[in-house]
Amino acid sequence: MKQFTKVSLSEVQENLIPQDLMQDKVVLIGATPESWKDLFYTPYSSNVLTDPERMAGVTIHANLISQILSAAIEKSTNKISK
């Protein structure tokens, strides 16, 4: 699964992120701590050598959005090149 840039709320509040970090990006806001109980097993949660690891809901959503955007961009690129 793709890794995404994560920024904590405190980094935003303390103005510690680069000014253009989110420019031209899709930004999702969500919680990742285990205590929030928004963690899920996915088909990508484990492999033969490791124990299953749950994925935060916001990360699952980010992967879905990434796949949709990649497919749309690829489709429009193919139309242009024909």
PDB file of N, CA and C in Angstrom:
ATOM      1  N   MET A   1       0.835  -1.176   0.000  1.00  0.00           N
ATOM      2  CA  MET A   1       0.000   0.000   0.000  1.00  0.00           C
ATOM      3  C   MET A   1       0.884   1.245   0.000  1.00  0.00           C
ATOM      4  N   LYS A   2       0.364   2.252  -0.578  1.00  0.00           N
ATOM      5  CA  LYS A   2       1.092   3.507  -0.692  1.00  0.00           C
ATOM      6  C   LYS A   2       1.162   4.222   0.654  1.00  0.00           C
ATOM      7  N   GLN A   3       2.301   4.805   0.927  1.00  0.00           N
ATOM      8  CA  GLN A   3       2.461   5.613   2.130  1.00  0.00           C
ATOM      9  C   GLN A   3       2.161   7.072   1.798  1.00  0.00           C
ATOM     10  N   PHE A   4       1.446   7.738   2.669  1.00  0.00           N
ATOM     11  CA  PHE A   4       1.061   9.120   2.448  1.00  0.00           C
ATOM     12  C   PHE A   4       1.710  10.011   3.498  1.00  0.00           C
ATOM     13  N   THR A   5       1.871  11.281   3.162  1.00  0.00           N
ATOM     14  CA  THR A   5       2.419  12.244   4.109  1.00  0.00           C
ATOM     15  C   THR A   5       1.413  12.450   5.229  1.00  0.00           C
ATOM     16  N   LYS A   6       1.871  12.338   6.456  1.00  0.00           N
ATOM     17  CA  LYS A   6       1.011  12.559   7.619  1.00  0.00           C
ATOM     18  C   LYS A   6       1.509  13.795   8.352  1.00  0.00           C
ATOM     19  N   VAL A   7       0.563  14.600   8.781  1.00  0.00           N
ATOM     20  CA  VAL A   7       0.874  15.811   9.535  1.00  0.00           C
ATOM     21  C   VAL A   7       0.012  15.796  10.787  1.00  0.00           C
ATOM     22  N   SER A   8       0.605  16.040  11.927  1.00  0.00           N
ATOM     23  CA  SER A   8      -0.173  16.035  13.166  1.00  0.00           C
ATOM     24  C   SER A   8      -0.888  17.371  13.353  1.00  0.00           C
ATOM     25  N   LEU A   9      -1.938  17.333  14.153  1.00  0.00           N
ATOM     26  CA  LEU A   9      -2.683  18.551  14.452  1.00  0.00           C
ATOM     27  C   LEU A   9      -1.784  19.582  15.125  1.00  0.00           C
ATOM     28  N   SER A  10      -0.908  19.138  16.008  1.00  0.00           N
ATOM     29  CA  SER A  10      -0.011  20.081  16.684  1.00  0.00           C
ATOM     30  C   SER A  10       0.958  20.745  15.704  1.00  0.00           C
ATOM     31  N   GLU A  11       1.409  20.006  14.676  1.00  0.00           N
ATOM     32  CA  GLU A  11       2.280  20.612  13.661  1.00  0.00           C
ATOM     33  C   GLU A  11       1.547  21.714  12.904  1.00  0.00           C
ATOM     34  N   VAL A  12       0.259  21.503  12.629  1.00  0.00           N
ATOM     35  CA  VAL A  12      -0.539  22.521  11.944  1.00  0.00           C
ATOM     36  C   VAL A  12      -0.733  23.720  12.865  1.00  0.00           C
ATOM     37  N   GLN A  13      -1.114  23.458  14.121  1.00  0.00           N
ATOM     38  CA  GLN A  13      -1.370  24.537  15.073  1.00  0.00           C
ATOM     39  C   GLN A  13      -0.124  25.385  15.339  1.00  0.00           C
ATOM     40  N   GLU A  14       1.033  24.748  15.326  1.00  0.00           N
ATOM     41  CA  GLU A  14       2.289  25.462  15.600  1.00  0.00           C
ATOM     42  C   GLU A  14       2.940  25.980  14.331  1.00  0.00           C
ATOM     43  N   ASN A  15       2.234  25.851  13.195  1.00  0.00           N
ATOM     44  CA  ASN A  15       2.719  26.357  11.911  1.00  0.00           C
ATOM     45  C   ASN A  15       4.089  25.774  11.540  1.00  0.00           C
ATOM     46  N   LEU A  16       4.225  24.465  11.713  1.00  0.00           N
ATOM     47  CA  LEU A  16       5.498  23.783  11.467  1.00  0.00           C
ATOM     48  C   LEU A  16       5.553  23.054  10.131  1.00  0.00           C
ATOM     49  N   ILE A  17       4.541  23.217   9.300  1.00  0.00           N
ATOM     50  CA  ILE A  17       4.549  22.530   8.013  1.00  0.00           C
ATOM     51  C   ILE A  17       4.896  23.519   6.904  1.00  0.00           C
ATOM     52  N   PRO A  18       5.538  23.044   5.845  1.00  0.00           N
ATOM     53  CA  PRO A  18       5.855  23.937   4.730  1.00  0.00           C
ATOM     54  C   PRO A  18       4.583  24.555   4.147  1.00  0.00           C
ATOM     55  N   GLN A  19       4.661  25.800   3.764  1.00  0.00           N
ATOM     56  CA  GLN A  19       3.506  26.552   3.304  1.00  0.00           C
ATOM     57  C   GLN A  19       2.827  25.909   2.090  1.00  0.00           C
ATOM     58  N   ASP A  20       3.602  25.293   1.209  1.00  0.00           N
ATOM     59  CA  ASP A  20       3.031  24.717  -0.017  1.00  0.00           C
ATOM     60  C   ASP A  20       2.812  23.202   0.070  1.00  0.00           C
ATOM     61  N   LEU A  21       2.889  22.621   1.251  1.00  0.00           N
ATOM     62  CA  LEU A  21       2.770  21.169   1.413  1.00  0.00           C
ATOM     63  C   LEU A  21       1.459  20.624   0.858  1.00  0.00           C
ATOM     64  N   MET A  22       0.374  21.364   1.038  1.00  0.00           N
ATOM     65  CA  MET A  22      -0.946  20.861   0.631  1.00  0.00           C
ATOM     66  C   MET A  22      -1.456  21.482  -0.664  1.00  0.00           C
ATOM     67  N   GLN A  23      -0.631  22.286  -1.285  1.00  0.00           N
ATOM     68  CA  GLN A  23      -1.043  22.928  -2.537  1.00  0.00           C
ATOM     69  C   GLN A  23      -1.252  21.872  -3.622  1.00  0.00           C
ATOM     70  N   ASP A  24      -2.382  21.961  -4.321  1.00  0.00           N
ATOM     71  CA  ASP A  24      -2.736  21.031  -5.403  1.00  0.00           C
ATOM     72  C   ASP A  24      -2.809  19.575  -4.940  1.00  0.00           C
ATOM     73  N   LYS A  25      -3.189  19.358  -3.692  1.00  0.00           N
ATOM     74  CA  LYS A  25      -3.294  18.010  -3.134  1.00  0.00           C
ATOM     75  C   LYS A  25      -4.710  17.787  -2.607  1.00  0.00           C
ATOM     76  N   VAL A  26      -5.100  16.536  -2.526  1.00  0.00           N
ATOM     77  CA  VAL A  26      -6.311  16.156  -1.812  1.00  0.00           C
ATOM     78  C   VAL A  26      -5.891  15.955  -0.359  1.00  0.00           C
ATOM     79  N   VAL A  27      -6.573  16.617   0.550  1.00  0.00           N
ATOM     80  CA  VAL A  27      -6.219  16.540   1.963  1.00  0.00           C
ATOM     81  C   VAL A  27      -7.352  15.853   2.718  1.00  0.00           C
ATOM     82  N   LEU A  28      -7.005  14.799   3.435  1.00  0.00           N
ATOM     83  CA  LEU A  28      -7.974  14.095   4.276  1.00  0.00           C
ATOM     84  C   LEU A  28      -7.626  14.352   5.731  1.00  0.00           C
ATOM     85  N   ILE A  29      -8.637  14.554   6.533  1.00  0.00           N
ATOM     86  CA  ILE A  29      -8.434  14.775   7.958  1.00  0.00           C
ATOM     87  C   ILE A  29      -9.025  13.586   8.690  1.00  0.00           C
ATOM     88  N   GLY A  30      -8.224  12.937   9.501  1.00  0.00           N
ATOM     89  CA  GLY A  30      -8.705  11.771  10.215  1.00  0.00           C
ATOM     90  C   GLY A  30      -7.791  11.410  11.364  1.00  0.00           C
ATOM     91  N   ALA A  31      -8.242  10.476  12.144  1.00  0.00           N
ATOM     92  CA  ALA A  31      -7.491  10.027  13.317  1.00  0.00           C
ATOM     93  C   ALA A  31      -6.867   8.665  13.051  1.00  0.00           C
ATOM     94  N   THR A  32      -5.668   8.475  13.561  1.00  0.00           N
ATOM     95  CA  THR A  32      -4.991   7.191  13.371  1.00  0.00           C
ATOM     96  C   THR A  32      -4.657   6.455  14.675  1.00  0.00           C
ATOM     97  N   PRO A  33      -4.871   7.048  15.864  1.00  0.00           N
ATOM     98  CA  PRO A  33      -4.518   6.308  17.084  1.00  0.00           C
ATOM     99  C   PRO A  33      -5.407   5.073  17.291  1.00  0.00           C
ATOM    100  N   GLU A  34      -4.832   4.055  17.863  1.00  0.00           N
ATOM    101  CA  GLU A  34      -5.571   2.819  18.107  1.00  0.00           C
ATOM    102  C   GLU A  34      -6.747   3.064  19.044  1.00  0.00           C
ATOM    103  N   SER A  35      -6.611   4.013  19.955  1.00  0.00           N
ATOM    104  CA  SER A  35      -7.674   4.292  20.923  1.00  0.00           C
ATOM    105  C   SER A  35      -8.960   4.789  20.262  1.00  0.00           C
ATOM    106  N   TRP A  36      -8.887   5.297  19.026  1.00  0.00           N
ATOM    107  CA  TRP A  36     -10.076   5.789  18.324  1.00  0.00           C
ATOM    108  C   TRP A  36     -10.854   4.649  17.680  1.00  0.00           C
ATOM    109  N   LYS A  37     -10.272   3.472  17.662  1.00  0.00           N
ATOM    110  CA  LYS A  37     -10.919   2.267  17.133  1.00  0.00           C
ATOM    111  C   LYS A  37     -11.412   2.428  15.686  1.00  0.00           C
ATOM    112  N   ASP A  38     -10.614   3.134  14.882  1.00  0.00           N
ATOM    113  CA  ASP A  38     -10.912   3.297  13.459  1.00  0.00           C
ATOM    114  C   ASP A  38      -9.850   2.558  12.644  1.00  0.00           C
ATOM    115  N   LEU A  39      -9.531   1.349  13.069  1.00  0.00           N
ATOM    116  CA  LEU A  39      -8.511   0.532  12.423  1.00  0.00           C
ATOM    117  C   LEU A  39      -9.150  -0.734  11.885  1.00  0.00           C
ATOM    118  N   PHE A  40      -8.734  -1.130  10.669  1.00  0.00           N
ATOM    119  CA  PHE A  40      -9.379  -2.245   9.987  1.00  0.00           C
ATOM    120  C   PHE A  40      -8.342  -3.150   9.324  1.00  0.00           C
ATOM    121  N   TYR A  41      -8.678  -4.429   9.234  1.00  0.00           N
ATOM    122  CA  TYR A  41      -7.859  -5.361   8.465  1.00  0.00           C
ATOM    123  C   TYR A  41      -8.249  -5.225   6.992  1.00  0.00           C
ATOM    124  N   THR A  42      -7.274  -5.289   6.120  1.00  0.00           N
ATOM    125  CA  THR A  42      -7.512  -5.247   4.682  1.00  0.00           C
ATOM    126  C   THR A  42      -6.769  -6.418   4.048  1.00  0.00           C
ATOM    127  N   PRO A  43      -7.006  -6.687   2.780  1.00  0.00           N
ATOM    128  CA  PRO A  43      -6.243  -7.752   2.120  1.00  0.00           C
ATOM    129  C   PRO A  43      -4.731  -7.484   2.120  1.00  0.00           C
ATOM    130  N   TYR A  44      -4.342  -6.233   2.349  1.00  0.00           N
ATOM    131  CA  TYR A  44      -2.922  -5.871   2.363  1.00  0.00           C
ATOM    132  C   TYR A  44      -2.359  -5.834   3.774  1.00  0.00           C
ATOM    133  N   SER A  45      -3.119  -6.294   4.761  1.00  0.00           N
ATOM    134  CA  SER A  45      -2.723  -6.197   6.162  1.00  0.00           C
ATOM    135  C   SER A  45      -1.577  -7.116   6.549  1.00  0.00           C
ATOM    136  N   SER A  46      -1.344  -8.170   5.788  1.00  0.00           N
ATOM    137  CA  SER A  46      -0.276  -9.095   6.176  1.00  0.00           C
ATOM    138  C   SER A  46       0.279  -9.807   4.952  1.00  0.00           C
ATOM    139  N   ASN A  47       1.387 -10.454   5.192  1.00  0.00           N
ATOM    140  CA  ASN A  47       1.925 -11.360   4.184  1.00  0.00           C
ATOM    141  C   ASN A  47       2.349 -12.632   4.903  1.00  0.00           C
ATOM    142  N   VAL A  48       2.994 -13.510   4.237  1.00  0.00           N
ATOM    143  CA  VAL A  48       3.336 -14.815   4.810  1.00  0.00           C
ATOM    144  C   VAL A  48       4.244 -14.675   6.043  1.00  0.00           C
ATOM    145  N   LEU A  49       5.103 -13.681   6.055  1.00  0.00           N
ATOM    146  CA  LEU A  49       6.105 -13.571   7.113  1.00  0.00           C
ATOM    147  C   LEU A  49       5.720 -12.670   8.278  1.00  0.00           C
ATOM    148  N   THR A  50       4.606 -11.943   8.190  1.00  0.00           N
ATOM    149  CA  THR A  50       4.259 -11.004   9.257  1.00  0.00           C
ATOM    150  C   THR A  50       2.840 -11.224   9.774  1.00  0.00           C
ATOM    151  N   ASP A  51       2.611 -10.778  10.989  1.00  0.00           N
ATOM    152  CA  ASP A  51       1.268 -10.808  11.553  1.00  0.00           C
ATOM    153  C   ASP A  51       0.428  -9.718  10.906  1.00  0.00           C
ATOM    154  N   PRO A  52      -0.882  -9.925  10.828  1.00  0.00           N
ATOM    155  CA  PRO A  52      -1.741  -8.896  10.231  1.00  0.00           C
ATOM    156  C   PRO A  52      -1.668  -7.586  11.016  1.00  0.00           C
ATOM    157  N   GLU A  53      -1.669  -6.505  10.291  1.00  0.00           N
ATOM    158  CA  GLU A  53      -1.627  -5.178  10.903  1.00  0.00           C
ATOM    159  C   GLU A  53      -2.819  -4.382  10.381  1.00  0.00           C
ATOM    160  N   ARG A  54      -3.565  -3.763  11.291  1.00  0.00           N
ATOM    161  CA  ARG A  54      -4.748  -3.019  10.871  1.00  0.00           C
ATOM    162  C   ARG A  54      -4.361  -1.659  10.302  1.00  0.00           C
ATOM    163  N   MET A  55      -5.213  -1.138   9.437  1.00  0.00           N
ATOM    164  CA  MET A  55      -4.964   0.129   8.754  1.00  0.00           C
ATOM    165  C   MET A  55      -6.025   1.138   9.188  1.00  0.00           C
ATOM    166  N   ALA A  56      -5.609   2.382   9.416  1.00  0.00           N
ATOM    167  CA  ALA A  56      -6.539   3.437   9.806  1.00  0.00           C
ATOM    168  C   ALA A  56      -7.536   3.704   8.682  1.00  0.00           C
ATOM    169  N   GLY A  57      -8.767   4.002   9.046  1.00  0.00           N
ATOM    170  CA  GLY A  57      -9.810   4.285   8.065  1.00  0.00           C
ATOM    171  C   GLY A  57      -9.417   5.390   7.108  1.00  0.00           C
ATOM    172  N   VAL A  58      -8.786   6.441   7.620  1.00  0.00           N
ATOM    173  CA  VAL A  58      -8.387   7.556   6.756  1.00  0.00           C
ATOM    174  C   VAL A  58      -7.337   7.108   5.735  1.00  0.00           C
ATOM    175  N   THR A  59      -6.504   6.164   6.094  1.00  0.00           N
ATOM    176  CA  THR A  59      -5.506   5.641   5.161  1.00  0.00           C
ATOM    177  C   THR A  59      -6.173   4.785   4.080  1.00  0.00           C
ATOM    178  N   ILE A  60      -7.189   4.035   4.469  1.00  0.00           N
ATOM    179  CA  ILE A  60      -7.950   3.263   3.483  1.00  0.00           C
ATOM    180  C   ILE A  60      -8.604   4.211   2.487  1.00  0.00           C
ATOM    181  N   HIS A  61      -9.203   5.275   2.986  1.00  0.00           N
ATOM    182  CA  HIS A  61      -9.832   6.269   2.105  1.00  0.00           C
ATOM    183  C   HIS A  61      -8.800   6.919   1.193  1.00  0.00           C
ATOM    184  N   ALA A  62      -7.628   7.225   1.729  1.00  0.00           N
ATOM    185  CA  ALA A  62      -6.570   7.838   0.919  1.00  0.00           C
ATOM    186  C   ALA A  62      -6.150   6.913  -0.221  1.00  0.00           C
ATOM    187  N   ASN A  63      -6.038   5.628   0.059  1.00  0.00           N
ATOM    188  CA  ASN A  63      -5.676   4.666  -0.987  1.00  0.00           C
ATOM    189  C   ASN A  63      -6.757   4.579  -2.060  1.00  0.00           C
ATOM    190  N   LEU A  64      -8.017   4.589  -1.651  1.00  0.00           N
ATOM    191  CA  LEU A  64      -9.113   4.559  -2.620  1.00  0.00           C
ATOM    192  C   LEU A  64      -9.094   5.794  -3.514  1.00  0.00           C
ATOM    193  N   ILE A  65      -8.933   6.953  -2.905  1.00  0.00           N
ATOM    194  CA  ILE A  65      -8.874   8.201  -3.682  1.00  0.00           C
ATOM    195  C   ILE A  65      -7.691   8.183  -4.640  1.00  0.00           C
ATOM    196  N   SER A  66      -6.552   7.703  -4.173  1.00  0.00           N
ATOM    197  CA  SER A  66      -5.361   7.619  -5.015  1.00  0.00           C
ATOM    198  C   SER A  66      -5.612   6.740  -6.238  1.00  0.00           C
ATOM    199  N   GLN A  67      -6.263   5.598  -6.030  1.00  0.00           N
ATOM    200  CA  GLN A  67      -6.543   4.690  -7.149  1.00  0.00           C
ATOM    201  C   GLN A  67      -7.517   5.313  -8.146  1.00  0.00           C
ATOM    202  N   ILE A  68      -8.558   5.977  -7.637  1.00  0.00           N
ATOM    203  CA  ILE A  68      -9.541   6.623  -8.517  1.00  0.00           C
ATOM    204  C   ILE A  68      -8.878   7.725  -9.333  1.00  0.00           C
ATOM    205  N   LEU A  69      -8.086   8.571  -8.687  1.00  0.00           N
ATOM    206  CA  LEU A  69      -7.411   9.659  -9.405  1.00  0.00           C
ATOM    207  C   LEU A  69      -6.410   9.117 -10.419  1.00  0.00           C
ATOM    208  N   SER A  70      -5.677   8.084 -10.057  1.00  0.00           N
ATOM    209  CA  SER A  70      -4.709   7.493 -10.992  1.00  0.00           C
ATOM    210  C   SER A  70      -5.413   6.943 -12.226  1.00  0.00           C
ATOM    211  N   ALA A  71      -6.546   6.277 -12.018  1.00  0.00           N
ATOM    212  CA  ALA A  71      -7.295   5.721 -13.148  1.00  0.00           C
ATOM    213  C   ALA A  71      -7.838   6.833 -14.032  1.00  0.00           C
ATOM    214  N   ALA A  72      -8.352   7.896 -13.429  1.00  0.00           N
ATOM    215  CA  ALA A  72      -8.894   9.016 -14.203  1.00  0.00           C
ATOM    216  C   ALA A  72      -7.793   9.718 -14.994  1.00  0.00           C
ATOM    217  N   ILE A  73      -6.651   9.923 -14.363  1.00  0.00           N
ATOM    218  CA  ILE A  73      -5.525  10.586 -15.042  1.00  0.00           C
ATOM    219  C   ILE A  73      -5.014   9.717 -16.185  1.00  0.00           C
ATOM    220  N   GLU A  74      -4.895   8.412 -15.946  1.00  0.00           N
ATOM    221  CA  GLU A  74      -4.430   7.493 -16.992  1.00  0.00           C
ATOM    222  C   GLU A  74      -5.406   7.477 -18.168  1.00  0.00           C
ATOM    223  N   LYS A  75      -6.684   7.468 -17.862  1.00  0.00           N
ATOM    224  CA  LYS A  75      -7.694   7.451 -18.922  1.00  0.00           C
ATOM    225  C   LYS A  75      -7.628   8.729 -19.747  1.00  0.00           C
ATOM    226  N   SER A  76      -7.498   9.883 -19.100  1.00  0.00           N
ATOM    227  CA  SER A  76      -7.427  11.138 -19.858  1.00  0.00           C
ATOM    228  C   SER A  76      -6.124  11.260 -20.640  1.00  0.00           C
ATOM    229  N   THR A  77      -5.039  10.710 -20.114  1.00  0.00           N
ATOM    230  CA  THR A  77      -3.753  10.718 -20.815  1.00  0.00           C
ATOM    231  C   THR A  77      -3.837   9.838 -22.058  1.00  0.00           C
ATOM    232  N   ASN A  78      -4.493   8.687 -21.950  1.00  0.00           N
ATOM    233  CA  ASN A  78      -4.654   7.787 -23.099  1.00  0.00           C
ATOM    234  C   ASN A  78      -5.498   8.428 -24.190  1.00  0.00           C
ATOM    235  N   LYS A  79      -6.522   9.183 -23.818  1.00  0.00           N
ATOM    236  CA  LYS A  79      -7.358   9.861 -24.822  1.00  0.00           C
ATOM    237  C   LYS A  79      -6.552  10.913 -25.574  1.00  0.00           C
ATOM    238  N   ILE A  80      -5.685  11.631 -24.863  1.00  0.00           N
ATOM    239  CA  ILE A  80      -4.881  12.693 -25.475  1.00  0.00           C
ATOM    240  C   ILE A  80      -3.863  12.110 -26.436  1.00  0.00           C
ATOM    241  N   SER A  81      -3.254  10.965 -26.079  1.00  0.00           N
ATOM    242  CA  SER A  81      -2.178  10.404 -26.897  1.00  0.00           C
ATOM    243  C   SER A  81      -2.687   9.685 -28.146  1.00  0.00           C
ATOM    244  N   LYS A  82      -3.981   9.426 -28.241  1.00  0.00           N
ATOM    245  CA  LYS A  82      -4.517   8.695 -29.404  1.00  0.00           C
ATOM    246  C   LYS A  82      -4.752   9.597 -30.583  1.00  0.00           C
TER     247      LYS A  82
END
